[in-house]
N, C-alpha and C. Protein backbone atom coordinates (compact mmCIF):
# COMPACT_ATOMS: atom_id res chain seq x y z
N UNK A 1 179.64 126.54 344.44
CA UNK A 1 179.17 127.59 343.56
C UNK A 1 180.31 128.54 343.19
N UNK A 2 181.10 128.87 344.20
CA UNK A 2 182.20 129.79 343.95
C UNK A 2 183.26 129.17 343.05
N UNK A 3 183.41 127.87 343.12
CA UNK A 3 184.41 127.19 342.29
C UNK A 3 183.92 127.00 340.85
N UNK A 4 182.66 127.29 340.60
CA UNK A 4 182.06 127.15 339.28
C UNK A 4 182.09 125.70 338.79
N UNK A 5 181.97 124.77 339.73
CA UNK A 5 181.94 123.35 339.39
C UNK A 5 180.47 122.96 339.17
N UNK A 6 180.03 123.07 337.94
CA UNK A 6 178.63 122.85 337.61
C UNK A 6 178.18 121.42 337.86
N UNK A 7 179.04 120.46 337.58
CA UNK A 7 178.68 119.05 337.76
C UNK A 7 178.42 118.76 339.23
N UNK A 8 179.35 119.18 340.07
CA UNK A 8 179.20 118.95 341.51
C UNK A 8 177.98 119.70 342.05
N UNK A 9 177.75 120.88 341.56
CA UNK A 9 176.61 121.67 342.00
C UNK A 9 175.29 120.97 341.63
N UNK A 10 175.20 120.46 340.39
CA UNK A 10 174.00 119.73 339.97
C UNK A 10 173.75 118.52 340.87
N UNK A 11 174.81 117.76 341.12
CA UNK A 11 174.68 116.55 341.92
C UNK A 11 174.28 116.89 343.36
N UNK A 12 174.91 117.90 343.93
CA UNK A 12 174.59 118.28 345.31
C UNK A 12 173.18 118.83 345.42
N UNK A 13 172.73 119.53 344.40
CA UNK A 13 171.36 120.03 344.43
C UNK A 13 170.35 118.89 344.37
N UNK A 14 170.64 117.86 343.58
CA UNK A 14 169.72 116.72 343.52
C UNK A 14 169.71 115.96 344.85
N UNK A 15 170.88 115.86 345.50
CA UNK A 15 170.95 115.21 346.80
C UNK A 15 170.16 116.01 347.83
N UNK A 16 170.34 117.32 347.83
CA UNK A 16 169.62 118.18 348.76
C UNK A 16 168.11 118.07 348.53
N UNK A 17 167.71 118.04 347.29
CA UNK A 17 166.30 117.91 346.96
C UNK A 17 165.73 116.60 347.49
N UNK A 18 166.48 115.51 347.32
CA UNK A 18 166.02 114.21 347.81
C UNK A 18 165.87 114.22 349.33
N UNK A 19 166.81 114.85 350.02
CA UNK A 19 166.74 114.92 351.47
C UNK A 19 165.56 115.78 351.93
N UNK A 20 165.31 116.88 351.24
CA UNK A 20 164.18 117.73 351.60
C UNK A 20 162.86 117.00 351.36
N UNK A 21 162.79 116.22 350.29
CA UNK A 21 161.58 115.43 350.04
C UNK A 21 161.38 114.39 351.14
N UNK A 22 162.47 113.81 351.62
CA UNK A 22 162.37 112.85 352.73
C UNK A 22 161.80 113.53 353.97
N UNK A 23 162.30 114.69 354.25
CA UNK A 23 161.86 115.40 355.45
C UNK A 23 160.38 115.78 355.38
N UNK A 24 159.92 116.17 354.23
CA UNK A 24 158.51 116.56 354.10
C UNK A 24 157.60 115.35 353.95
N UNK A 25 158.09 114.27 353.36
CA UNK A 25 157.27 113.07 353.17
C UNK A 25 156.98 112.38 354.49
N UNK A 26 157.89 112.48 355.42
CA UNK A 26 157.71 111.83 356.71
C UNK A 26 156.92 112.70 357.68
N UNK A 27 156.36 113.78 357.22
CA UNK A 27 155.57 114.65 358.07
C UNK A 27 156.40 115.41 359.08
N UNK A 28 157.62 115.72 358.71
CA UNK A 28 158.48 116.46 359.62
C UNK A 28 159.21 115.58 360.61
N UNK A 29 159.08 114.27 360.47
CA UNK A 29 159.77 113.36 361.38
C UNK A 29 161.28 113.40 361.11
N UNK A 30 162.02 112.86 362.04
CA UNK A 30 163.48 112.87 361.91
C UNK A 30 163.92 112.00 360.74
N UNK A 31 164.82 112.53 359.97
CA UNK A 31 165.37 111.79 358.83
C UNK A 31 166.64 111.10 359.32
N UNK A 32 166.63 109.77 359.30
CA UNK A 32 167.76 109.01 359.81
C UNK A 32 168.81 108.80 358.73
N UNK A 33 169.97 108.34 359.16
CA UNK A 33 171.05 108.05 358.21
C UNK A 33 170.65 106.96 357.23
N UNK A 34 169.91 105.95 357.70
CA UNK A 34 169.47 104.87 356.83
C UNK A 34 168.58 105.40 355.71
N UNK A 35 167.68 106.30 356.05
CA UNK A 35 166.81 106.89 355.03
C UNK A 35 167.62 107.69 354.02
N UNK A 36 168.61 108.40 354.51
CA UNK A 36 169.46 109.19 353.61
C UNK A 36 170.25 108.28 352.67
N UNK A 37 170.78 107.19 353.20
CA UNK A 37 171.54 106.25 352.37
C UNK A 37 170.63 105.64 351.31
N UNK A 38 169.40 105.29 351.69
CA UNK A 38 168.46 104.73 350.72
C UNK A 38 168.13 105.76 349.63
N UNK A 39 168.01 107.01 350.02
CA UNK A 39 167.73 108.06 349.04
C UNK A 39 168.91 108.21 348.08
N UNK A 40 170.13 108.16 348.62
CA UNK A 40 171.33 108.25 347.77
C UNK A 40 171.42 107.05 346.83
N UNK A 41 171.09 105.87 347.34
CA UNK A 41 171.10 104.67 346.49
C UNK A 41 170.07 104.80 345.38
N UNK A 42 168.92 105.37 345.69
CA UNK A 42 167.89 105.57 344.68
C UNK A 42 168.38 106.54 343.60
N UNK A 43 169.03 107.63 344.03
CA UNK A 43 169.58 108.58 343.05
C UNK A 43 170.62 107.92 342.17
N UNK A 44 171.48 107.10 342.76
CA UNK A 44 172.52 106.40 341.99
C UNK A 44 171.88 105.44 340.99
N UNK A 45 170.85 104.73 341.42
CA UNK A 45 170.18 103.79 340.52
C UNK A 45 169.51 104.52 339.37
N UNK A 46 168.91 105.67 339.66
CA UNK A 46 168.29 106.47 338.61
C UNK A 46 169.33 106.90 337.58
N UNK A 47 170.49 107.31 338.07
CA UNK A 47 171.56 107.73 337.15
C UNK A 47 172.03 106.56 336.29
N UNK A 48 172.18 105.39 336.90
CA UNK A 48 172.62 104.21 336.14
C UNK A 48 171.61 103.84 335.06
N UNK A 49 170.33 103.88 335.42
CA UNK A 49 169.28 103.58 334.44
C UNK A 49 169.30 104.59 333.30
N UNK A 50 169.46 105.85 333.65
CA UNK A 50 169.51 106.90 332.63
C UNK A 50 170.70 106.72 331.71
N UNK A 51 171.83 106.35 332.28
CA UNK A 51 173.03 106.14 331.47
C UNK A 51 172.79 105.05 330.45
N UNK A 52 172.20 103.93 330.88
CA UNK A 52 171.97 102.83 329.93
C UNK A 52 170.99 103.24 328.83
N UNK A 53 169.96 104.00 329.18
CA UNK A 53 168.99 104.45 328.17
C UNK A 53 169.65 105.42 327.19
N UNK A 54 170.41 106.37 327.72
CA UNK A 54 171.06 107.35 326.85
C UNK A 54 172.08 106.68 325.92
N UNK A 55 172.79 105.68 326.43
CA UNK A 55 173.77 105.00 325.57
C UNK A 55 173.08 104.17 324.49
N UNK A 56 171.92 103.59 324.79
CA UNK A 56 171.17 102.85 323.78
C UNK A 56 170.71 103.78 322.66
N UNK A 57 170.40 105.02 323.02
CA UNK A 57 169.90 105.99 322.05
C UNK A 57 171.01 106.84 321.44
N UNK A 58 172.27 106.45 321.71
CA UNK A 58 173.44 107.17 321.19
C UNK A 58 173.45 108.64 321.59
N UNK A 59 173.04 108.91 322.83
CA UNK A 59 173.09 110.27 323.38
C UNK A 59 174.22 110.32 324.40
N UNK A 60 175.43 110.22 323.90
CA UNK A 60 176.60 110.17 324.77
C UNK A 60 176.81 111.45 325.57
N UNK A 61 176.36 112.58 325.03
CA UNK A 61 176.50 113.83 325.76
C UNK A 61 175.69 113.80 327.06
N UNK A 62 174.46 113.28 326.99
CA UNK A 62 173.63 113.18 328.18
C UNK A 62 174.13 112.08 329.12
N UNK A 63 174.61 110.99 328.54
CA UNK A 63 175.15 109.89 329.34
C UNK A 63 176.37 110.35 330.13
N UNK A 64 177.21 111.18 329.51
CA UNK A 64 178.40 111.68 330.20
C UNK A 64 178.03 112.55 331.40
N UNK A 65 176.98 113.37 331.26
CA UNK A 65 176.52 114.19 332.38
C UNK A 65 176.06 113.32 333.54
N UNK A 66 175.31 112.28 333.20
CA UNK A 66 174.81 111.37 334.24
C UNK A 66 175.97 110.63 334.92
N UNK A 67 176.97 110.23 334.15
CA UNK A 67 178.13 109.54 334.72
C UNK A 67 178.88 110.43 335.68
N UNK A 68 179.03 111.69 335.32
CA UNK A 68 179.73 112.65 336.20
C UNK A 68 178.98 112.82 337.52
N UNK A 69 177.65 112.93 337.44
CA UNK A 69 176.85 113.08 338.65
C UNK A 69 176.90 111.80 339.48
N UNK A 70 176.90 110.65 338.82
CA UNK A 70 176.95 109.37 339.52
C UNK A 70 178.23 109.24 340.34
N UNK A 71 179.34 109.71 339.80
CA UNK A 71 180.61 109.66 340.54
C UNK A 71 180.53 110.47 341.83
N UNK A 72 179.89 111.61 341.78
CA UNK A 72 179.76 112.46 342.96
C UNK A 72 178.81 111.83 343.98
N UNK A 73 177.70 111.28 343.50
CA UNK A 73 176.74 110.64 344.41
C UNK A 73 177.38 109.42 345.07
N UNK A 74 178.15 108.64 344.30
CA UNK A 74 178.82 107.46 344.86
C UNK A 74 179.80 107.82 345.96
N UNK A 75 180.36 109.01 345.90
CA UNK A 75 181.31 109.43 346.93
C UNK A 75 180.63 109.55 348.30
N UNK A 76 179.34 109.77 348.33
CA UNK A 76 178.61 109.92 349.58
C UNK A 76 178.05 108.60 350.10
N UNK A 77 178.05 107.57 349.26
CA UNK A 77 177.54 106.26 349.65
C UNK A 77 178.60 105.46 350.41
N UNK A 78 178.17 104.55 351.30
CA UNK A 78 179.15 103.71 351.98
C UNK A 78 179.86 102.79 350.98
N UNK A 79 181.05 102.37 351.34
CA UNK A 79 181.84 101.51 350.46
C UNK A 79 181.11 100.18 350.30
N UNK A 80 181.01 99.72 349.05
CA UNK A 80 180.33 98.47 348.75
C UNK A 80 181.20 97.28 349.16
N UNK A 81 180.56 96.25 349.66
CA UNK A 81 181.25 95.02 350.04
C UNK A 81 181.49 94.20 348.77
N UNK A 82 182.64 93.51 348.72
CA UNK A 82 182.92 92.70 347.54
C UNK A 82 182.06 91.43 347.55
N UNK A 83 182.05 90.74 346.42
CA UNK A 83 181.17 89.58 346.25
C UNK A 83 181.50 88.46 347.24
N UNK A 84 182.78 88.25 347.51
CA UNK A 84 183.17 87.19 348.45
C UNK A 84 182.66 87.51 349.86
N UNK A 85 182.75 88.76 350.26
CA UNK A 85 182.25 89.15 351.58
C UNK A 85 180.75 89.00 351.69
N UNK A 86 180.04 89.37 350.63
CA UNK A 86 178.58 89.23 350.61
C UNK A 86 178.20 87.76 350.70
N UNK A 87 178.91 86.93 349.94
CA UNK A 87 178.61 85.50 349.93
C UNK A 87 178.84 84.89 351.31
N UNK A 88 179.91 85.26 351.97
CA UNK A 88 180.20 84.74 353.31
C UNK A 88 179.10 85.14 354.30
N UNK A 89 178.67 86.38 354.22
CA UNK A 89 177.62 86.87 355.13
C UNK A 89 176.30 86.16 354.85
N UNK A 90 175.99 85.91 353.58
CA UNK A 90 174.74 85.22 353.23
C UNK A 90 174.79 83.77 353.69
N UNK A 91 175.95 83.12 353.59
CA UNK A 91 176.08 81.75 354.10
C UNK A 91 175.77 81.71 355.59
N UNK A 92 176.25 82.71 356.30
CA UNK A 92 175.98 82.80 357.74
C UNK A 92 174.49 82.99 357.99
N UNK A 93 173.84 83.83 357.21
CA UNK A 93 172.41 84.08 357.36
C UNK A 93 171.62 82.81 357.06
N UNK A 94 172.03 82.07 356.03
CA UNK A 94 171.35 80.83 355.66
C UNK A 94 171.48 79.81 356.79
N UNK A 95 172.66 79.72 357.38
CA UNK A 95 172.87 78.78 358.48
C UNK A 95 172.00 79.16 359.69
N UNK A 96 171.92 80.44 360.00
CA UNK A 96 171.11 80.89 361.13
C UNK A 96 169.62 80.69 360.89
N UNK A 97 169.18 80.83 359.65
CA UNK A 97 167.76 80.68 359.32
C UNK A 97 167.37 79.22 359.17
N UNK A 98 168.35 78.34 358.99
CA UNK A 98 168.05 76.92 358.79
C UNK A 98 167.44 76.65 357.43
N UNK A 99 167.81 77.44 356.44
CA UNK A 99 167.26 77.29 355.08
C UNK A 99 167.93 76.11 354.39
N UNK A 100 167.12 75.33 353.65
CA UNK A 100 167.62 74.14 352.98
C UNK A 100 167.56 74.20 351.46
N UNK A 101 166.56 74.84 350.91
CA UNK A 101 166.40 74.84 349.47
C UNK A 101 165.76 76.12 348.96
N UNK A 102 165.44 76.12 347.68
CA UNK A 102 164.86 77.32 347.06
C UNK A 102 163.55 77.78 347.71
N UNK A 103 162.85 76.87 348.37
CA UNK A 103 161.59 77.25 349.02
C UNK A 103 161.82 78.18 350.20
N UNK A 104 163.02 78.17 350.75
CA UNK A 104 163.32 78.98 351.93
C UNK A 104 163.88 80.36 351.59
N UNK A 105 163.82 80.74 350.32
CA UNK A 105 164.33 82.07 349.93
C UNK A 105 163.58 83.18 350.65
N UNK A 106 162.31 82.97 350.94
CA UNK A 106 161.51 83.96 351.63
C UNK A 106 162.00 84.24 353.05
N UNK A 107 162.68 83.26 353.63
CA UNK A 107 163.25 83.45 354.97
C UNK A 107 164.57 84.21 354.91
N UNK A 108 165.34 83.96 353.87
CA UNK A 108 166.72 84.45 353.79
C UNK A 108 166.80 85.86 353.22
N UNK A 109 166.11 86.14 352.13
CA UNK A 109 166.27 87.41 351.43
C UNK A 109 165.91 88.62 352.30
N UNK A 110 164.80 88.61 353.04
CA UNK A 110 164.52 89.80 353.86
C UNK A 110 165.61 90.08 354.91
N UNK A 111 166.12 89.03 355.53
CA UNK A 111 167.18 89.21 356.53
C UNK A 111 168.45 89.72 355.86
N UNK A 112 168.78 89.14 354.70
CA UNK A 112 169.99 89.57 353.98
C UNK A 112 169.87 91.01 353.51
N UNK A 113 168.72 91.41 353.03
CA UNK A 113 168.53 92.79 352.57
C UNK A 113 168.62 93.76 353.75
N UNK A 114 168.13 93.35 354.90
CA UNK A 114 168.19 94.22 356.07
C UNK A 114 169.63 94.41 356.53
N UNK A 115 170.40 93.32 356.55
CA UNK A 115 171.78 93.39 357.04
C UNK A 115 172.75 93.95 356.01
N UNK A 116 172.51 93.67 354.73
CA UNK A 116 173.47 94.04 353.68
C UNK A 116 172.97 95.12 352.75
N UNK A 117 171.78 95.63 352.98
CA UNK A 117 171.18 96.59 352.07
C UNK A 117 172.01 97.82 351.78
N UNK A 118 172.70 98.33 352.78
CA UNK A 118 173.48 99.54 352.58
C UNK A 118 174.84 99.32 351.97
N UNK A 119 175.35 98.09 352.05
CA UNK A 119 176.71 97.84 351.60
C UNK A 119 176.80 96.88 350.41
N UNK A 120 175.66 96.42 349.91
CA UNK A 120 175.66 95.52 348.76
C UNK A 120 174.43 95.79 347.90
N UNK A 121 174.57 95.53 346.63
CA UNK A 121 173.48 95.72 345.68
C UNK A 121 172.42 94.63 345.88
N UNK A 122 171.16 95.00 345.84
CA UNK A 122 170.08 94.04 346.02
C UNK A 122 170.07 92.95 344.98
N UNK A 123 170.44 93.30 343.77
CA UNK A 123 170.48 92.31 342.69
C UNK A 123 171.56 91.25 342.98
N UNK A 124 172.71 91.68 343.47
CA UNK A 124 173.79 90.77 343.81
C UNK A 124 173.37 89.86 344.96
N UNK A 125 172.72 90.42 345.97
CA UNK A 125 172.26 89.63 347.10
C UNK A 125 171.30 88.55 346.63
N UNK A 126 170.35 88.92 345.80
CA UNK A 126 169.36 87.98 345.29
C UNK A 126 170.02 86.86 344.49
N UNK A 127 170.97 87.19 343.62
CA UNK A 127 171.65 86.18 342.81
C UNK A 127 172.42 85.19 343.68
N UNK A 128 173.11 85.70 344.70
CA UNK A 128 173.91 84.82 345.55
C UNK A 128 173.00 83.91 346.38
N UNK A 129 171.90 84.44 346.89
CA UNK A 129 170.96 83.62 347.67
C UNK A 129 170.40 82.51 346.78
N UNK A 130 170.00 82.84 345.57
CA UNK A 130 169.46 81.83 344.65
C UNK A 130 170.50 80.74 344.38
N UNK A 131 171.73 81.17 344.13
CA UNK A 131 172.79 80.20 343.82
C UNK A 131 173.10 79.29 345.01
N UNK A 132 173.13 79.86 346.21
CA UNK A 132 173.47 79.06 347.38
C UNK A 132 172.36 78.13 347.82
N UNK A 133 171.13 78.49 347.53
CA UNK A 133 170.00 77.64 347.96
C UNK A 133 169.63 76.57 346.94
N UNK A 134 170.32 76.52 345.82
CA UNK A 134 169.99 75.47 344.83
C UNK A 134 170.80 74.24 345.05
């Protein structure tokens, strides 16, 4: 606030709001790091969706605001794993689950999302599982 950094202030206020909602939604239960990371991922996804909508409507001024906030929110998220690392981990999960074909996606995806949810995008995980099981 003292630095007059409006972008950072907006982003931090939205993060604080998300955390307060978590605390009240759980009935005062303890808010874990995993819940906080999921809330941050949700905020980042909302910003990405808003950016794509604003760019489709040629509202670059609003898209720029969302991009600035997204950069700040991303700074609080864990570092994302690259595609090769995700693929290697999914191959390991497939081997452990004994999955053979596309019918076994139900066995693999929940385990992969649990293990890689914080460090990889769900869409990427799903695409790699589909590709490896075909």
